[in-house]
C-alpha atoms as a PDB file:
ATOM      1  CA  MET A   1     120.469 136.686 226.518  1.00  0.00           C
ATOM      2  CA  LYS A   2     117.864 134.981 229.475  1.00  0.00           C
ATOM      3  CA  LYS A   3     115.115 136.842 228.511  1.00  0.00           C
ATOM      4  CA  ALA A   4     115.250 135.974 224.564  1.00  0.00           C
ATOM      5  CA  ALA A   5     115.251 132.633 226.074  1.00  0.00           C
ATOM      6  CA  ASP A   6     112.083 132.900 228.397  1.00  0.00           C
ATOM      7  CA  ILE A   7     110.474 135.163 225.166  1.00  0.00           C
ATOM      8  CA  ILE A   8     111.662 132.339 222.984  1.00  0.00           C
ATOM      9  CA  SER A   9     110.002 130.100 225.471  1.00  0.00           C
ATOM     10  CA  LYS A  10     106.999 131.261 225.637  1.00  0.00           C
ATOM     11  CA  LEU A  11     106.240 131.574 222.048  1.00  0.00           C
ATOM     12  CA  VAL A  12     107.119 127.948 222.203  1.00  0.00           C
ATOM     13  CA  LYS A  13     104.273 127.573 224.943  1.00  0.00           C
ATOM     14  CA  ALA A  14     101.651 129.548 223.113  1.00  0.00           C
ATOM     15  CA  ALA A  15     101.560 127.384 220.603  1.00  0.00           C
ATOM     16  CA  ALA A  16     102.388 123.951 221.400  1.00  0.00           C
ATOM     17  CA  LYS A  17      98.827 125.281 223.195  1.00  0.00           C
ATOM     18  CA  PHE A  18      97.041 124.905 219.372  1.00  0.00           C
ATOM     19  CA  GLY A  19      98.212 121.394 219.662  1.00  0.00           C
ATOM     20  CA  ALA A  20     100.428 119.680 217.419  1.00  0.00           C
ATOM     21  CA  GLY A  21      99.049 120.472 213.701  1.00  0.00           C
ATOM     22  CA  ALA A  22      98.478 124.582 214.192  1.00  0.00           C
ATOM     23  CA  THR A  23     102.131 125.452 214.103  1.00  0.00           C
ATOM     24  CA  SER A  24     102.591 123.776 210.741  1.00  0.00           C
ATOM     25  CA  ALA A  25      99.291 124.346 209.115  1.00  0.00           C
ATOM     26  CA  SER A  26     100.072 127.731 207.285  1.00  0.00           C
ATOM     27  CA  PHE A  27     103.376 125.913 206.393  1.00  0.00           C
ATOM     28  CA  GLY A  28     102.006 122.896 204.436  1.00  0.00           C
ATOM     29  CA  TYR A  29     103.862 121.309 201.513  1.00  0.00           C
ATOM     30  CA  GLN A  30     102.560 119.358 199.482  1.00  0.00           C
ATOM     31  CA  PRO A  31     105.155 117.677 196.373  1.00  0.00           C
ATOM     32  CA  LYS A  32     104.095 117.433 192.947  1.00  0.00           C
ATOM     33  CA  THR A  33     103.532 113.088 192.489  1.00  0.00           C
ATOM     34  CA  PRO A  34     105.689 112.744 189.002  1.00  0.00           C
ATOM     35  CA  ALA A  35     103.702 111.742 186.122  1.00  0.00           C
ATOM     36  CA  CYS A  36     105.339 107.840 185.943  1.00  0.00           C
ATOM     37  CA  LEU A  37     103.266 107.541 190.015  1.00  0.00           C
ATOM     38  CA  ARG A  38     100.113 109.519 188.558  1.00  0.00           C
ATOM     39  CA  GLU A  39      99.562 107.329 185.611  1.00  0.00           C
ATOM     40  CA  LYS A  40      97.494 103.391 186.939  1.00  0.00           C
ATOM     41  CA  ASP A  41      98.817 100.417 186.595  1.00  0.00           C
ATOM     42  CA  ALA A  42      98.272  98.827 183.432  1.00  0.00           C
ATOM     43  CA  ASP A  43      99.022  95.090 184.289  1.00  0.00           C
END
């Protein structure tokens, strides 16, 4: 079990070297904006 924790620890440390956004850069999620929010305010 300790070996698995060591491997995970090394992977996390390696990912951290690239910066905070590097690990989630390829998994970005941009939700679709509802139509009522996309329309310009008529007032």
